[in-house]
Amino acid sequence: MHYHFKLHKPHGYISQFIYEQKRKKKRLGELYDFPEGTMAIGRLDEDSEGLLLLTTDGKMSEKVRSKTVEKEYYAQVDGIITHDAVAVLKQGVEIGVNGEKYTTLPCNAKLIDNLPIVFGKGKRIRDERHGPTSWVSITVTEGKFRQVRKMTAAVGFPTLRLVRYRIGSVILDVAVEQVEQIYLEAVFG
């Protein structure tokens, strides 16, 4: 029998259970007593937060990470992002991946006025005297290293805070650091 979980990963944690480098980092296993063999489905970097799915089933992990499953991110960006910048994001932008130029696939992108309550305040980014910020939703089906951050920077609006809100039809609806057991078979077959 396999187990599946959704977690609201807080800022400052890595998406791993084992980390044997010199610098001590906060790991997922510190948040919940997961069963042996649990793995994160995809990753959120240490500076990102939001929805993280976990499973003990490698085949399920592969299904969810496939390019057929949408991943929606909310990015708080430096400045007031323009409709023109959002239009460029939708078409795909050139970013660097492993030292090579790469053009992202077309995606869905839109301005966000109201955030879900479950986001909370998050890590303090900066105060208003450093200029305004705004939010944009970006939905992708690929997952290159720090892709969403690179995409917003490519259109002139660097990401200050990044929250993954949705994977397929599974949305972020649990509080920060909360874990909930779920049944992914019903969602991803």
Protein backbone atom coordinates (compact mmCIF):
# COMPACT_ATOMS: atom_id res chain seq x y z
CA MET A 1 0.00 0.00 0.00
CA HIS A 2 1.29 3.44 -0.95
CA TYR A 3 0.81 6.72 0.87
CA HIS A 4 0.44 10.20 -0.55
CA PHE A 5 0.57 13.56 1.20
CA LYS A 6 0.21 17.25 0.52
CA LEU A 7 2.29 19.70 2.47
CA HIS A 8 2.40 23.48 2.70
CA LYS A 9 6.18 23.78 2.57
CA PRO A 10 7.40 26.84 4.40
CA HIS A 11 10.19 29.12 3.25
CA GLY A 12 13.58 27.94 4.53
CA TYR A 13 13.13 24.18 4.10
CA ILE A 14 14.67 22.04 1.37
CA SER A 15 12.54 19.46 -0.47
CA GLN A 16 14.64 16.57 0.78
CA PHE A 17 14.73 14.14 3.68
CA ILE A 18 18.51 13.60 3.66
CA TYR A 19 21.11 16.36 3.34
CA GLU A 20 24.70 15.54 4.14
CA GLN A 21 26.49 18.73 3.16
CA LYS A 22 28.43 20.85 5.65
CA ARG A 23 25.76 23.49 6.20
CA LYS A 24 22.79 22.31 8.28
CA LYS A 25 19.47 22.83 6.51
CA LYS A 26 15.88 22.27 7.53
CA ARG A 27 14.47 19.11 5.89
CA LEU A 28 10.94 17.83 5.24
CA GLY A 29 11.23 15.07 7.83
CA GLU A 30 11.34 17.74 10.55
CA LEU A 31 7.75 18.72 9.74
CA TYR A 32 6.01 15.33 9.99
CA ASP A 33 6.70 11.66 10.70
CA PHE A 34 6.44 10.42 7.11
CA PRO A 35 6.52 6.66 6.38
CA GLU A 36 9.80 5.15 5.23
CA GLY A 37 10.37 5.56 1.50
CA THR A 38 8.46 8.85 1.21
CA MET A 39 9.79 11.15 -1.53
CA ALA A 40 8.90 14.64 -2.70
CA ILE A 41 7.19 14.77 -6.10
CA GLY A 42 9.26 17.46 -7.75
CA ARG A 43 10.97 20.14 -5.69
CA LEU A 44 10.58 23.60 -4.34
CA ASP A 45 13.86 25.35 -3.62
CA GLU A 46 14.74 26.55 -0.14
CA ASP A 47 13.52 30.09 -0.89
CA SER A 48 10.16 28.94 -2.29
CA GLU A 49 7.06 27.84 -0.45
CA GLY A 50 3.67 26.31 -1.08
CA LEU A 51 2.17 23.06 -2.28
CA LEU A 52 4.44 20.04 -2.24
CA LEU A 53 3.12 16.55 -2.93
CA LEU A 54 4.88 13.53 -1.42
CA THR A 55 4.46 9.83 -2.07
CA THR A 56 5.86 6.38 -1.41
CA ASP A 57 4.98 5.41 -5.01
CA GLY A 58 7.63 6.08 -7.67
CA LYS A 59 5.17 5.53 -10.54
CA MET A 60 2.80 8.14 -9.10
CA SER A 61 5.70 10.55 -8.76
CA GLU A 62 6.51 10.08 -12.43
CA LYS A 63 2.87 10.73 -13.47
CA VAL A 64 2.62 13.93 -11.47
CA ARG A 65 5.97 15.27 -12.72
CA SER A 66 5.00 14.66 -16.37
CA LYS A 67 4.45 17.51 -18.81
CA THR A 68 0.73 16.69 -18.92
CA VAL A 69 0.22 18.03 -15.38
CA GLU A 70 -0.03 21.80 -14.84
CA LYS A 71 1.79 23.48 -11.96
CA GLU A 72 0.54 26.93 -10.96
CA TYR A 73 2.78 29.39 -9.11
CA TYR A 74 2.03 32.77 -7.61
CA ALA A 75 5.02 35.09 -7.85
CA GLN A 76 5.35 38.33 -5.93
CA VAL A 77 7.50 40.49 -8.16
CA ASP A 78 9.51 43.68 -7.80
CA GLY A 79 7.41 46.51 -9.24
CA ILE A 80 3.95 46.61 -10.77
CA ILE A 81 4.01 43.99 -13.52
CA THR A 82 2.48 45.17 -16.78
CA HIS A 83 -0.04 43.52 -19.07
CA ASP A 84 2.66 43.57 -21.78
CA ALA A 85 5.06 41.62 -19.55
CA VAL A 86 2.34 39.06 -18.80
CA ALA A 87 1.68 38.70 -22.54
CA VAL A 88 5.38 37.99 -23.13
CA LEU A 89 5.40 35.39 -20.34
CA LYS A 90 2.46 33.62 -22.01
CA GLN A 91 4.40 33.26 -25.27
CA GLY A 92 7.53 31.83 -23.64
CA VAL A 93 10.73 33.64 -22.74
CA GLU A 94 14.42 32.94 -23.10
CA ILE A 95 16.15 31.84 -19.88
CA GLY A 96 19.43 30.16 -19.04
CA VAL A 97 19.40 26.45 -18.20
CA ASN A 98 22.68 24.62 -17.48
CA GLY A 99 24.66 27.37 -19.19
CA GLU A 100 22.57 27.17 -22.37
CA LYS A 101 19.85 29.47 -23.71
CA TYR A 102 16.38 27.92 -23.47
CA THR A 103 12.98 29.25 -24.53
CA THR A 104 10.22 28.24 -22.17
CA LEU A 105 7.06 26.67 -23.52
CA PRO A 106 3.98 28.89 -23.82
CA CYS A 107 2.16 29.09 -20.49
CA ASN A 108 -0.84 30.64 -18.80
CA ALA A 109 -0.15 33.86 -16.92
CA LYS A 110 -2.38 36.48 -15.32
CA LEU A 111 -2.26 39.32 -12.84
CA ILE A 112 -3.41 38.49 -9.30
CA ASP A 113 -5.29 40.98 -7.12
CA ASN A 114 -6.35 38.80 -4.19
CA LEU A 115 -4.27 36.04 -2.62
CA PRO A 116 -5.70 32.93 -1.01
CA ILE A 117 -5.84 33.34 2.79
CA VAL A 118 -3.81 30.14 3.21
CA PHE A 119 -0.70 31.98 1.91
CA GLY A 120 -0.39 33.90 5.16
CA LYS A 121 2.17 36.67 5.44
CA GLY A 122 5.13 34.50 4.52
CA LYS A 123 8.70 35.61 5.01
CA ARG A 124 9.05 39.38 5.19
CA ILE A 125 10.42 40.48 1.85
CA ARG A 126 10.96 44.19 2.41
CA ASP A 127 9.01 47.26 3.37
CA GLU A 128 7.09 49.65 1.13
CA ARG A 129 9.82 52.29 1.03
CA HIS A 130 11.75 50.05 -1.40
CA GLY A 131 8.98 50.36 -3.96
CA PRO A 132 5.78 48.56 -4.87
CA THR A 133 5.33 44.86 -5.55
CA SER A 134 2.65 42.94 -7.42
CA TRP A 135 1.56 39.33 -7.94
CA VAL A 136 1.32 37.23 -11.09
CA SER A 137 0.06 33.68 -11.58
CA ILE A 138 2.15 31.51 -13.91
CA THR A 139 1.01 28.01 -14.89
CA VAL A 140 3.60 25.77 -16.52
CA THR A 141 3.86 22.12 -17.52
CA GLU A 142 7.65 21.97 -17.46
CA GLY A 143 9.96 22.42 -14.52
CA LYS A 144 13.43 23.71 -15.26
CA PHE A 145 15.70 24.79 -12.39
CA ARG A 146 14.28 28.03 -10.89
CA GLN A 147 12.24 28.46 -14.06
CA VAL A 148 9.49 30.77 -12.80
CA ARG A 149 12.02 33.06 -11.10
CA LYS A 150 14.04 33.24 -14.32
CA MET A 151 10.90 33.90 -16.38
CA THR A 152 9.78 36.91 -14.33
CA ALA A 153 13.32 38.30 -14.33
CA ALA A 154 13.47 37.91 -18.12
CA VAL A 155 10.52 40.30 -18.49
CA GLY A 156 12.00 42.82 -16.04
CA PHE A 157 10.19 41.88 -12.83
CA PRO A 158 12.37 39.75 -10.52
CA THR A 159 10.54 37.37 -8.18
CA LEU A 160 10.69 38.29 -4.50
CA ARG A 161 8.41 35.52 -3.16
CA LEU A 162 7.30 32.34 -4.92
CA VAL A 163 4.41 30.13 -3.82
CA ARG A 164 3.27 27.00 -5.67
CA TYR A 165 -0.52 27.08 -5.50
CA ARG A 166 -1.67 24.14 -7.61
CA ILE A 167 -0.51 20.82 -9.10
CA GLY A 168 -3.11 19.44 -11.51
CA SER A 169 -6.39 19.86 -9.63
CA VAL A 170 -4.78 19.66 -6.17
CA ILE A 171 -4.71 23.13 -4.61
CA LEU A 172 -2.90 24.58 -1.63
CA ASP A 173 -5.56 24.59 1.07
CA VAL A 174 -3.62 23.67 4.21
CA ALA A 175 -1.83 26.03 6.59
CA VAL A 176 1.94 26.53 6.56
CA GLU A 177 3.81 23.41 7.79
CA GLN A 178 0.58 21.38 7.74
CA VAL A 179 0.54 17.90 6.19
CA GLU A 180 -2.56 16.07 4.99
CA GLN A 181 -2.79 12.52 3.69
CA ILE A 182 -4.56 12.45 0.32
CA TYR A 183 -5.54 9.95 -2.38
CA LEU A 184 -3.69 10.86 -5.57
CA GLU A 185 -5.03 7.84 -7.46
CA ALA A 186 -8.41 9.57 -7.72
CA VAL A 187 -6.77 12.71 -9.13
CA PHE A 188 -3.99 11.37 -11.36
CA GLY A 189 -5.25 7.82 -12.03
